[in-house]
Amino acid sequence: MPNPSPLIATADLLRLTQQHTPAPIIFDCRFSLADDAAGERAFLDGHIPGARYAHLNRDLSDLAAPSSEGRHPLPAPDNFCAWLAEHGASPSSRFVVYDDAGGAIAGRLWWMLRAQGARDVRVLDGGLAAWCEAGGTLENRELAAKHARPGPDGRSAATSDPRPWPKCRPWPVATREDVLQAAATGRLVDARDARRYAGIEEPIDPVAGHIPGAKNLPYKQLLSAGGYLLPTHRLAETWLAVAERPADCVVYCGSGVSACHLILSAAAAGVGEPRLFAPSWSGWISKPGVEAS
């Protein structure tokens, strides 16, 4: 059965990590657009004990894909599932994912895991800061190496024996035609901040503005000052002020990452989950002749 909430509180994760049957598979998703190695350095310096690192560019994207797929194209499902199998993961595994950005990056892996059939995936509400505030300890590269179980060749092995992911699925994403239809009916939602949506500033992509007809719901608007998702009733109120039926919406952002946070927030609110336009703004503007507002 699906989880009643896509989130997990730090107190609950602390209890899970103290149990040994079964231990959750934890992924650290910290990442910086300004320095794509910063997240992994931070992970090696200190992470939740037992966590593995998920690199946005290397593990959760295929940067060799054409520009029409955006700045962070989804990887081929077979490649993603093979990466999961290398970590000993299966659809029946219990997953916890976290970052230090209110779930903006972890939400991408949450969405990808569920899209590939994982049944128990939670985002750590409040991220790494919440873990530390609750008294959770951190493990650095030396401790991780000390505690790793060596494999037959002397290298550290995954917690479970790697097995093929039983079945990979096509990504359940919206097409450009879906985007146009959603825009025409007021069901297209942009997750970027208001200044980027309005075209006042654009720090990353070569064209400023938004897809014509899109509404704006900045994902940061759904977070508290401490980086936690807002309470369920406030998430629902915020979503329903933008769309009568969020499940009928299509969401996008700059490159298909923080838009997953909108899906996460809608799931947490219990208002139905919109679909992802994975190429997002960066992919939209790569096509000659497309309109921008």
C-alpha atoms as a PDB file:
ATOM      1  CA  MET A   1       0.000   0.000   0.000  1.00  0.00           C
ATOM      2  CA  PRO A   2       1.238   3.534  -0.674  1.00  0.00           C
ATOM      3  CA  ASN A   3       2.547   5.648   2.178  1.00  0.00           C
ATOM      4  CA  PRO A   4       0.039   7.986   3.848  1.00  0.00           C
ATOM      5  CA  SER A   5       2.708  10.696   3.607  1.00  0.00           C
ATOM      6  CA  PRO A   6       5.759  11.098   1.378  1.00  0.00           C
ATOM      7  CA  LEU A   7       7.660  12.610   4.327  1.00  0.00           C
ATOM      8  CA  ILE A   8       9.488  11.165   7.297  1.00  0.00           C
ATOM      9  CA  ALA A   9      10.251  13.074  10.485  1.00  0.00           C
ATOM     10  CA  THR A  10      13.715  13.014  11.979  1.00  0.00           C
ATOM     11  CA  ALA A  11      12.496  11.221  15.122  1.00  0.00           C
ATOM     12  CA  ASP A  12      11.104   8.412  12.984  1.00  0.00           C
ATOM     13  CA  LEU A  13      14.302   8.128  10.941  1.00  0.00           C
ATOM     14  CA  LEU A  14      16.358   8.015  14.131  1.00  0.00           C
ATOM     15  CA  ARG A  15      14.266   5.048  15.270  1.00  0.00           C
ATOM     16  CA  LEU A  16      14.635   3.330  11.914  1.00  0.00           C
ATOM     17  CA  THR A  17      18.407   3.692  11.887  1.00  0.00           C
ATOM     18  CA  GLN A  18      18.574   2.127  15.357  1.00  0.00           C
ATOM     19  CA  GLN A  19      16.704  -0.925  14.111  1.00  0.00           C
ATOM     20  CA  HIS A  20      18.457  -3.522  12.033  1.00  0.00           C
ATOM     21  CA  THR A  21      15.598  -5.334  10.291  1.00  0.00           C
ATOM     22  CA  PRO A  22      15.205  -3.914   7.742  1.00  0.00           C
ATOM     23  CA  ALA A  23      17.553  -0.931   7.555  1.00  0.00           C
ATOM     24  CA  PRO A  24      16.387   1.792   5.146  1.00  0.00           C
ATOM     25  CA  ILE A  25      18.401   2.624   2.067  1.00  0.00           C
ATOM     26  CA  ILE A  26      19.287   6.288   2.559  1.00  0.00           C
ATOM     27  CA  PHE A  27      20.405   8.604  -0.227  1.00  0.00           C
ATOM     28  CA  ASP A  28      22.060  11.978   0.320  1.00  0.00           C
ATOM     29  CA  CYS A  29      21.103  14.259  -2.597  1.00  0.00           C
ATOM     30  CA  ARG A  30      22.928  17.472  -1.725  1.00  0.00           C
ATOM     31  CA  PHE A  31      23.957  19.412  -4.821  1.00  0.00           C
ATOM     32  CA  SER A  32      24.970  22.914  -5.896  1.00  0.00           C
ATOM     33  CA  LEU A  33      24.361  24.298  -9.382  1.00  0.00           C
ATOM     34  CA  ALA A  34      27.289  26.664  -8.816  1.00  0.00           C
ATOM     35  CA  ASP A  35      29.721  23.815  -8.035  1.00  0.00           C
ATOM     36  CA  ASP A  36      28.666  20.337  -9.099  1.00  0.00           C
ATOM     37  CA  ALA A  37      31.278  18.700  -6.857  1.00  0.00           C
ATOM     38  CA  ALA A  38      30.253  20.562  -3.685  1.00  0.00           C
ATOM     39  CA  GLY A  39      27.481  18.178  -2.679  1.00  0.00           C
ATOM     40  CA  GLU A  40      29.695  15.117  -2.866  1.00  0.00           C
ATOM     41  CA  ARG A  41      32.448  16.870  -0.904  1.00  0.00           C
ATOM     42  CA  ALA A  42      29.925  17.761   1.771  1.00  0.00           C
ATOM     43  CA  PHE A  43      28.715  14.156   1.802  1.00  0.00           C
ATOM     44  CA  LEU A  44      32.234  12.844   2.357  1.00  0.00           C
ATOM     45  CA  ASP A  45      32.773  15.343   5.153  1.00  0.00           C
ATOM     46  CA  GLY A  46      29.643  14.274   6.980  1.00  0.00           C
ATOM     47  CA  HIS A  47      26.386  12.430   6.220  1.00  0.00           C
ATOM     48  CA  ILE A  48      23.687  10.394   7.932  1.00  0.00           C
ATOM     49  CA  PRO A  49      25.277   7.066   8.898  1.00  0.00           C
ATOM     50  CA  GLY A  50      24.896   4.469   6.158  1.00  0.00           C
ATOM     51  CA  ALA A  51      23.772   6.961   3.518  1.00  0.00           C
ATOM     52  CA  ARG A  52      24.915   6.670  -0.095  1.00  0.00           C
ATOM     53  CA  TYR A  53      25.416   9.676  -2.358  1.00  0.00           C
ATOM     54  CA  ALA A  54      23.145  10.414  -5.330  1.00  0.00           C
ATOM     55  CA  HIS A  55      24.752  12.924  -7.692  1.00  0.00           C
ATOM     56  CA  LEU A  56      22.209  14.997  -9.612  1.00  0.00           C
ATOM     57  CA  ASN A  57      24.306  15.244 -12.785  1.00  0.00           C
ATOM     58  CA  ARG A  58      25.812  11.770 -12.750  1.00  0.00           C
ATOM     59  CA  ASP A  59      23.150   9.503 -11.216  1.00  0.00           C
ATOM     60  CA  LEU A  60      19.824  11.298 -11.614  1.00  0.00           C
ATOM     61  CA  SER A  61      20.363  12.852 -15.053  1.00  0.00           C
ATOM     62  CA  ASP A  62      21.804  12.061 -18.477  1.00  0.00           C
ATOM     63  CA  LEU A  63      23.736  15.157 -19.511  1.00  0.00           C
ATOM     64  CA  ALA A  64      24.531  13.572 -22.892  1.00  0.00           C
ATOM     65  CA  ALA A  65      20.886  13.878 -23.965  1.00  0.00           C
ATOM     66  CA  PRO A  66      19.924  16.546 -26.519  1.00  0.00           C
ATOM     67  CA  SER A  67      19.281  20.116 -25.360  1.00  0.00           C
ATOM     68  CA  SER A  68      15.579  19.662 -26.122  1.00  0.00           C
ATOM     69  CA  GLU A  69      15.456  17.473 -23.000  1.00  0.00           C
ATOM     70  CA  GLY A  70      16.624  20.336 -20.777  1.00  0.00           C
ATOM     71  CA  ARG A  71      19.612  20.918 -18.510  1.00  0.00           C
ATOM     72  CA  HIS A  72      18.943  17.848 -16.366  1.00  0.00           C
ATOM     73  CA  PRO A  73      17.436  15.225 -18.682  1.00  0.00           C
ATOM     74  CA  LEU A  74      16.130  12.102 -17.026  1.00  0.00           C
ATOM     75  CA  PRO A  75      18.448   9.117 -17.492  1.00  0.00           C
ATOM     76  CA  ALA A  76      17.319   6.083 -19.464  1.00  0.00           C
ATOM     77  CA  PRO A  77      15.147   3.998 -17.109  1.00  0.00           C
ATOM     78  CA  ASP A  78      17.386   0.946 -17.604  1.00  0.00           C
ATOM     79  CA  ASN A  79      20.453   2.937 -16.533  1.00  0.00           C
ATOM     80  CA  PHE A  80      18.709   4.323 -13.467  1.00  0.00           C
ATOM     81  CA  CYS A  81      17.438   0.906 -12.439  1.00  0.00           C
ATOM     82  CA  ALA A  82      20.915  -0.581 -12.920  1.00  0.00           C
ATOM     83  CA  TRP A  83      22.295   2.115 -10.613  1.00  0.00           C
ATOM     84  CA  LEU A  84      19.692   1.217  -8.006  1.00  0.00           C
ATOM     85  CA  ALA A  85      20.591  -2.465  -8.311  1.00  0.00           C
ATOM     86  CA  GLU A  86      24.239  -1.598  -7.668  1.00  0.00           C
ATOM     87  CA  HIS A  87      23.069  -0.321  -4.285  1.00  0.00           C
ATOM     88  CA  GLY A  88      21.236  -3.564  -3.571  1.00  0.00           C
ATOM     89  CA  ALA A  89      17.882  -1.824  -3.921  1.00  0.00           C
ATOM     90  CA  SER A  90      14.609  -3.312  -5.086  1.00  0.00           C
ATOM     91  CA  PRO A  91      11.067  -1.945  -5.376  1.00  0.00           C
ATOM     92  CA  SER A  92      10.300  -3.487  -1.980  1.00  0.00           C
ATOM     93  CA  SER A  93      13.202  -1.661  -0.278  1.00  0.00           C
ATOM     94  CA  ARG A  94      12.490   1.114   2.190  1.00  0.00           C
ATOM     95  CA  PHE A  95      14.031   4.377   0.943  1.00  0.00           C
ATOM     96  CA  VAL A  96      14.748   7.673   2.689  1.00  0.00           C
ATOM     97  CA  VAL A  97      16.159  10.595   0.693  1.00  0.00           C
ATOM     98  CA  TYR A  98      17.376  13.960   1.923  1.00  0.00           C
ATOM     99  CA  ASP A  99      19.259  17.129   0.981  1.00  0.00           C
ATOM    100  CA  ASP A 100      19.977  20.549   2.474  1.00  0.00           C
ATOM    101  CA  ALA A 101      17.595  22.480   0.207  1.00  0.00           C
ATOM    102  CA  GLY A 102      14.142  21.808   1.626  1.00  0.00           C
ATOM    103  CA  GLY A 103      13.764  18.697  -0.529  1.00  0.00           C
ATOM    104  CA  ALA A 104      14.296  20.514  -3.839  1.00  0.00           C
ATOM    105  CA  ILE A 105      16.868  17.932  -4.990  1.00  0.00           C
ATOM    106  CA  ALA A 106      15.731  14.945  -2.930  1.00  0.00           C
ATOM    107  CA  GLY A 107      12.266  15.383  -4.418  1.00  0.00           C
ATOM    108  CA  ARG A 108      13.681  14.462  -7.824  1.00  0.00           C
ATOM    109  CA  LEU A 109      14.959  11.093  -6.551  1.00  0.00           C
ATOM    110  CA  TRP A 110      11.704  10.559  -4.609  1.00  0.00           C
ATOM    111  CA  TRP A 111       9.752  11.012  -7.850  1.00  0.00           C
ATOM    112  CA  MET A 112      12.129   8.817  -9.884  1.00  0.00           C
ATOM    113  CA  LEU A 113      12.034   5.957  -7.386  1.00  0.00           C
ATOM    114  CA  ARG A 114       8.260   5.940  -7.245  1.00  0.00           C
ATOM    115  CA  ALA A 115       8.021   6.178 -11.017  1.00  0.00           C
ATOM    116  CA  GLN A 116      10.055   2.968 -11.177  1.00  0.00           C
ATOM    117  CA  GLY A 117       7.789   1.114  -8.794  1.00  0.00           C
ATOM    118  CA  ALA A 118       9.380   1.692  -5.382  1.00  0.00           C
ATOM    119  CA  ARG A 119       6.602   1.411  -2.834  1.00  0.00           C
ATOM    120  CA  ASP A 120       8.123   2.979   0.285  1.00  0.00           C
ATOM    121  CA  VAL A 121       9.965   6.239  -0.383  1.00  0.00           C
ATOM    122  CA  ARG A 122      10.139   9.117   2.074  1.00  0.00           C
ATOM    123  CA  VAL A 123      11.783  12.533   1.994  1.00  0.00           C
ATOM    124  CA  LEU A 124      13.371  13.597   5.281  1.00  0.00           C
ATOM    125  CA  ASP A 125      11.374  16.655   6.277  1.00  0.00           C
ATOM    126  CA  GLY A 126      13.799  19.468   7.102  1.00  0.00           C
ATOM    127  CA  GLY A 127      16.736  17.613   5.569  1.00  0.00           C
ATOM    128  CA  LEU A 128      20.172  17.262   7.067  1.00  0.00           C
ATOM    129  CA  ALA A 129      19.776  20.306   9.329  1.00  0.00           C
ATOM    130  CA  ALA A 130      16.722  18.731  10.974  1.00  0.00           C
ATOM    131  CA  TRP A 131      18.650  15.502  11.507  1.00  0.00           C
ATOM    132  CA  CYS A 132      21.456  17.339  13.267  1.00  0.00           C
ATOM    133  CA  GLU A 133      19.061  19.450  15.335  1.00  0.00           C
ATOM    134  CA  ALA A 134      17.364  16.256  16.534  1.00  0.00           C
ATOM    135  CA  GLY A 135      20.673  14.888  17.781  1.00  0.00           C
ATOM    136  CA  GLY A 136      21.467  12.653  14.826  1.00  0.00           C
ATOM    137  CA  THR A 137      25.152  11.879  14.362  1.00  0.00           C
ATOM    138  CA  LEU A 138      27.122  12.211  11.129  1.00  0.00           C
ATOM    139  CA  GLU A 139      29.493   9.749   9.514  1.00  0.00           C
ATOM    140  CA  ASN A 140      32.488  10.936   7.507  1.00  0.00           C
ATOM    141  CA  ARG A 141      34.466   9.179   4.793  1.00  0.00           C
ATOM    142  CA  GLU A 142      36.800   7.502   7.291  1.00  0.00           C
ATOM    143  CA  LEU A 143      33.976   6.116   9.423  1.00  0.00           C
ATOM    144  CA  ALA A 144      32.075   4.981   6.340  1.00  0.00           C
ATOM    145  CA  ALA A 145      35.129   3.041   5.132  1.00  0.00           C
ATOM    146  CA  LYS A 146      35.627   1.540   8.594  1.00  0.00           C
ATOM    147  CA  HIS A 147      32.039   0.338   8.829  1.00  0.00           C
ATOM    148  CA  ALA A 148      31.692  -0.884   5.241  1.00  0.00           C
ATOM    149  CA  ARG A 149      31.397  -4.624   4.701  1.00  0.00           C
ATOM    150  CA  PRO A 150      34.195  -5.635   2.287  1.00  0.00           C
ATOM    151  CA  GLY A 151      33.214  -7.456  -0.867  1.00  0.00           C
ATOM    152  CA  PRO A 152      35.010 -10.481  -2.327  1.00  0.00           C
ATOM    153  CA  ASP A 153      37.491  -8.245  -4.153  1.00  0.00           C
ATOM    154  CA  GLY A 154      38.285  -6.205  -1.027  1.00  0.00           C
ATOM    155  CA  ARG A 155      36.110  -3.244  -1.970  1.00  0.00           C
ATOM    156  CA  SER A 156      33.124  -2.157   0.067  1.00  0.00           C
ATOM    157  CA  ALA A 157      29.915  -3.861  -0.938  1.00  0.00           C
ATOM    158  CA  ALA A 158      26.286  -2.723  -0.971  1.00  0.00           C
ATOM    159  CA  THR A 159      24.149  -3.554   2.067  1.00  0.00           C
ATOM    160  CA  SER A 160      22.302  -6.142   0.014  1.00  0.00           C
ATOM    161  CA  ASP A 161      23.470  -8.276  -2.876  1.00  0.00           C
ATOM    162  CA  PRO A 162      22.895  -6.435  -6.172  1.00  0.00           C
ATOM    163  CA  ARG A 163      20.033  -7.894  -8.173  1.00  0.00           C
ATOM    164  CA  PRO A 164      18.487  -6.569 -11.371  1.00  0.00           C
ATOM    165  CA  TRP A 165      15.572  -4.220 -10.828  1.00  0.00           C
ATOM    166  CA  PRO A 166      12.680  -6.480 -11.849  1.00  0.00           C
ATOM    167  CA  LYS A 167      11.086  -4.176 -14.402  1.00  0.00           C
ATOM    168  CA  CYS A 168      11.976  -0.709 -15.646  1.00  0.00           C
ATOM    169  CA  ARG A 169       9.168   1.584 -16.698  1.00  0.00           C
ATOM    170  CA  PRO A 170       8.990   4.514 -19.112  1.00  0.00           C
ATOM    171  CA  TRP A 171       9.036   7.827 -17.253  1.00  0.00           C
ATOM    172  CA  PRO A 172       5.427   9.032 -16.745  1.00  0.00           C
ATOM    173  CA  VAL A 173       6.104  12.528 -18.048  1.00  0.00           C
ATOM    174  CA  ALA A 174       4.038  15.116 -19.862  1.00  0.00           C
ATOM    175  CA  THR A 175       4.753  15.849 -23.523  1.00  0.00           C
ATOM    176  CA  ARG A 176       4.970  19.256 -25.212  1.00  0.00           C
ATOM    177  CA  GLU A 177       1.447  18.702 -26.473  1.00  0.00           C
ATOM    178  CA  ASP A 178       0.331  18.096 -22.904  1.00  0.00           C
ATOM    179  CA  VAL A 179       2.031  21.344 -21.899  1.00  0.00           C
ATOM    180  CA  LEU A 180       0.208  23.323 -24.564  1.00  0.00           C
ATOM    181  CA  GLN A 181      -3.129  21.825 -23.546  1.00  0.00           C
ATOM    182  CA  ALA A 182      -2.477  22.459 -19.869  1.00  0.00           C
ATOM    183  CA  ALA A 183      -1.465  26.057 -20.576  1.00  0.00           C
ATOM    184  CA  ALA A 184      -4.621  26.647 -22.600  1.00  0.00           C
ATOM    185  CA  THR A 185      -6.795  25.434 -19.720  1.00  0.00           C
ATOM    186  CA  GLY A 186      -4.970  27.083 -16.815  1.00  0.00           C
ATOM    187  CA  ARG A 187      -3.390  23.855 -15.580  1.00  0.00           C
ATOM    188  CA  LEU A 188       0.318  24.561 -16.244  1.00  0.00           C
ATOM    189  CA  VAL A 189       2.334  25.508 -13.136  1.00  0.00           C
ATOM    190  CA  ASP A 190       5.856  26.957 -12.965  1.00  0.00           C
ATOM    191  CA  ALA A 191       7.863  26.101  -9.812  1.00  0.00           C
ATOM    192  CA  ARG A 192      10.545  28.805 -10.169  1.00  0.00           C
ATOM    193  CA  ASP A 193      10.688  31.932  -8.069  1.00  0.00           C
ATOM    194  CA  ALA A 194       8.545  34.876  -9.093  1.00  0.00           C
ATOM    195  CA  ARG A 195      11.345  36.987 -10.580  1.00  0.00           C
ATOM    196  CA  ARG A 196      12.478  34.224 -12.916  1.00  0.00           C
ATOM    197  CA  TYR A 197       8.882  33.419 -13.845  1.00  0.00           C
ATOM    198  CA  ALA A 198       8.260  37.078 -14.666  1.00  0.00           C
ATOM    199  CA  GLY A 199      11.445  37.331 -16.720  1.00  0.00           C
ATOM    200  CA  ILE A 200      12.881  40.032 -14.449  1.00  0.00           C
ATOM    201  CA  GLU A 201      16.048  37.984 -13.962  1.00  0.00           C
ATOM    202  CA  GLU A 202      17.427  34.739 -15.345  1.00  0.00           C
ATOM    203  CA  PRO A 203      20.696  33.571 -13.758  1.00  0.00           C
ATOM    204  CA  ILE A 204      20.982  30.239 -15.594  1.00  0.00           C
ATOM    205  CA  ASP A 205      19.127  29.905 -18.886  1.00  0.00           C
ATOM    206  CA  PRO A 206      19.757  32.035 -22.004  1.00  0.00           C
ATOM    207  CA  VAL A 207      16.137  33.208 -22.296  1.00  0.00           C
ATOM    208  CA  ALA A 208      14.071  34.766 -19.527  1.00  0.00           C
ATOM    209  CA  GLY A 209      10.348  34.416 -18.953  1.00  0.00           C
ATOM    210  CA  HIS A 210       7.896  31.545 -18.747  1.00  0.00           C
ATOM    211  CA  ILE A 211       5.796  29.280 -20.947  1.00  0.00           C
ATOM    212  CA  PRO A 212       2.741  31.282 -22.081  1.00  0.00           C
ATOM    213  CA  GLY A 213      -0.327  30.452 -20.017  1.00  0.00           C
ATOM    214  CA  ALA A 214       1.609  29.079 -17.051  1.00  0.00           C
ATOM    215  CA  LYS A 215       0.743  30.007 -13.488  1.00  0.00           C
ATOM    216  CA  ASN A 216       3.423  30.517 -10.865  1.00  0.00           C
ATOM    217  CA  LEU A 217       3.752  28.519  -7.645  1.00  0.00           C
ATOM    218  CA  PRO A 218       7.332  28.903  -6.376  1.00  0.00           C
ATOM    219  CA  TYR A 219       8.327  25.728  -4.565  1.00  0.00           C
ATOM    220  CA  LYS A 220       9.986  27.801  -1.821  1.00  0.00           C
ATOM    221  CA  GLN A 221       6.567  29.223  -1.017  1.00  0.00           C
ATOM    222  CA  LEU A 222       5.650  25.750   0.246  1.00  0.00           C
ATOM    223  CA  LEU A 223       8.478  25.681   2.800  1.00  0.00           C
ATOM    224  CA  SER A 224       8.779  27.121   6.275  1.00  0.00           C
ATOM    225  CA  ALA A 225      11.752  29.252   7.271  1.00  0.00           C
ATOM    226  CA  GLY A 226      13.434  26.115   8.653  1.00  0.00           C
ATOM    227  CA  GLY A 227      13.188  24.211   5.371  1.00  0.00           C
ATOM    228  CA  TYR A 228      10.249  22.014   6.391  1.00  0.00           C
ATOM    229  CA  LEU A 229       7.199  21.547   4.189  1.00  0.00           C
ATOM    230  CA  LEU A 230       4.240  23.588   5.403  1.00  0.00           C
ATOM    231  CA  PRO A 231       1.515  21.807   7.377  1.00  0.00           C
ATOM    232  CA  THR A 232      -0.811  19.687   5.274  1.00  0.00           C
ATOM    233  CA  HIS A 233      -3.759  22.087   5.414  1.00  0.00           C
ATOM    234  CA  ARG A 234      -1.617  25.026   4.304  1.00  0.00           C
ATOM    235  CA  LEU A 235      -0.133  23.018   1.442  1.00  0.00           C
ATOM    236  CA  ALA A 236      -3.631  22.108   0.313  1.00  0.00           C
ATOM    237  CA  GLU A 237      -4.856  25.708   0.573  1.00  0.00           C
ATOM    238  CA  THR A 238      -1.888  26.980  -1.418  1.00  0.00           C
ATOM    239  CA  TRP A 239      -2.305  24.389  -4.139  1.00  0.00           C
ATOM    240  CA  LEU A 240      -6.071  24.790  -4.431  1.00  0.00           C
ATOM    241  CA  ALA A 241      -5.650  28.544  -4.792  1.00  0.00           C
ATOM    242  CA  VAL A 242      -3.661  27.831  -7.957  1.00  0.00           C
ATOM    243  CA  ALA A 243      -5.601  24.917  -9.413  1.00  0.00           C
ATOM    244  CA  GLU A 244      -8.979  23.385  -8.633  1.00  0.00           C
ATOM    245  CA  ARG A 245      -7.632  19.905  -9.457  1.00  0.00           C
ATOM    246  CA  PRO A 246      -3.852  19.665  -8.976  1.00  0.00           C
ATOM    247  CA  ALA A 247      -3.882  16.079 -10.294  1.00  0.00           C
ATOM    248  CA  ASP A 248      -4.860  17.477 -13.710  1.00  0.00           C
ATOM    249  CA  CYS A 249      -1.930  19.915 -13.777  1.00  0.00           C
ATOM    250  CA  VAL A 250       1.472  19.786 -15.457  1.00  0.00           C
ATOM    251  CA  VAL A 251       4.430  21.229 -13.555  1.00  0.00           C
ATOM    252  CA  TYR A 252       7.818  22.478 -14.713  1.00  0.00           C
ATOM    253  CA  CYS A 253      10.784  24.491 -13.450  1.00  0.00           C
ATOM    254  CA  GLY A 254      14.160  25.366 -14.966  1.00  0.00           C
ATOM    255  CA  SER A 255      15.396  21.844 -15.630  1.00  0.00           C
ATOM    256  CA  GLY A 256      12.905  19.338 -14.218  1.00  0.00           C
ATOM    257  CA  VAL A 257      14.322  19.111 -10.697  1.00  0.00           C
ATOM    258  CA  SER A 258      12.515  21.502  -8.339  1.00  0.00           C
ATOM    259  CA  ALA A 259       9.261  20.841 -10.229  1.00  0.00           C
ATOM    260  CA  CYS A 260       9.349  17.422  -8.548  1.00  0.00           C
ATOM    261  CA  HIS A 261       9.094  19.325  -5.269  1.00  0.00           C
ATOM    262  CA  LEU A 262       5.702  20.621  -6.388  1.00  0.00           C
ATOM    263  CA  ILE A 263       4.630  17.005  -6.952  1.00  0.00           C
ATOM    264  CA  LEU A 264       5.974  16.131  -3.505  1.00  0.00           C
ATOM    265  CA  SER A 265       4.046  18.982  -1.891  1.00  0.00           C
ATOM    266  CA  ALA A 266       0.825  18.010  -3.656  1.00  0.00           C
ATOM    267  CA  ALA A 267       1.261  14.409  -2.499  1.00  0.00           C
ATOM    268  CA  ALA A 268       1.887  15.603   1.062  1.00  0.00           C
ATOM    269  CA  ALA A 269      -1.246  17.772   0.860  1.00  0.00           C
ATOM    270  CA  GLY A 270      -3.348  14.861  -0.391  1.00  0.00           C
ATOM    271  CA  VAL A 271      -4.696  16.844  -3.342  1.00  0.00           C
ATOM    272  CA  GLY A 272      -3.486  14.550  -6.129  1.00  0.00           C
ATOM    273  CA  GLU A 273      -0.198  14.576  -7.990  1.00  0.00           C
ATOM    274  CA  PRO A 274       0.435  16.669 -11.115  1.00  0.00           C
ATOM    275  CA  ARG A 275       2.567  15.397 -13.997  1.00  0.00           C
ATOM    276  CA  LEU A 276       6.117  16.496 -14.689  1.00  0.00           C
ATOM    277  CA  PHE A 277       7.251  18.224 -17.875  1.00  0.00           C
ATOM    278  CA  ALA A 278      10.802  16.983 -17.517  1.00  0.00           C
ATOM    279  CA  PRO A 279      12.599  19.252 -20.057  1.00  0.00           C
ATOM    280  CA  SER A 280      11.053  22.239 -18.308  1.00  0.00           C
ATOM    281  CA  TRP A 281      11.993  25.810 -19.238  1.00  0.00           C
ATOM    282  CA  SER A 282      15.524  24.984 -20.426  1.00  0.00           C
ATOM    283  CA  GLY A 283      14.175  22.359 -22.816  1.00  0.00           C
ATOM    284  CA  TRP A 284      11.225  24.466 -23.921  1.00  0.00           C
ATOM    285  CA  ILE A 285      13.377  27.368 -25.086  1.00  0.00           C
ATOM    286  CA  SER A 286      15.771  25.066 -26.993  1.00  0.00           C
ATOM    287  CA  LYS A 287      13.201  24.596 -29.755  1.00  0.00           C
ATOM    288  CA  PRO A 288      13.352  27.290 -32.443  1.00  0.00           C
ATOM    289  CA  GLY A 289      10.244  29.434 -32.706  1.00  0.00           C
ATOM    290  CA  VAL A 290       8.745  28.597 -29.312  1.00  0.00           C
ATOM    291  CA  GLU A 291       6.987  31.356 -27.454  1.00  0.00           C
ATOM    292  CA  ALA A 292       7.933  32.786 -24.096  1.00  0.00           C
ATOM    293  CA  SER A 293       6.099  35.263 -21.887  1.00  0.00           C
END
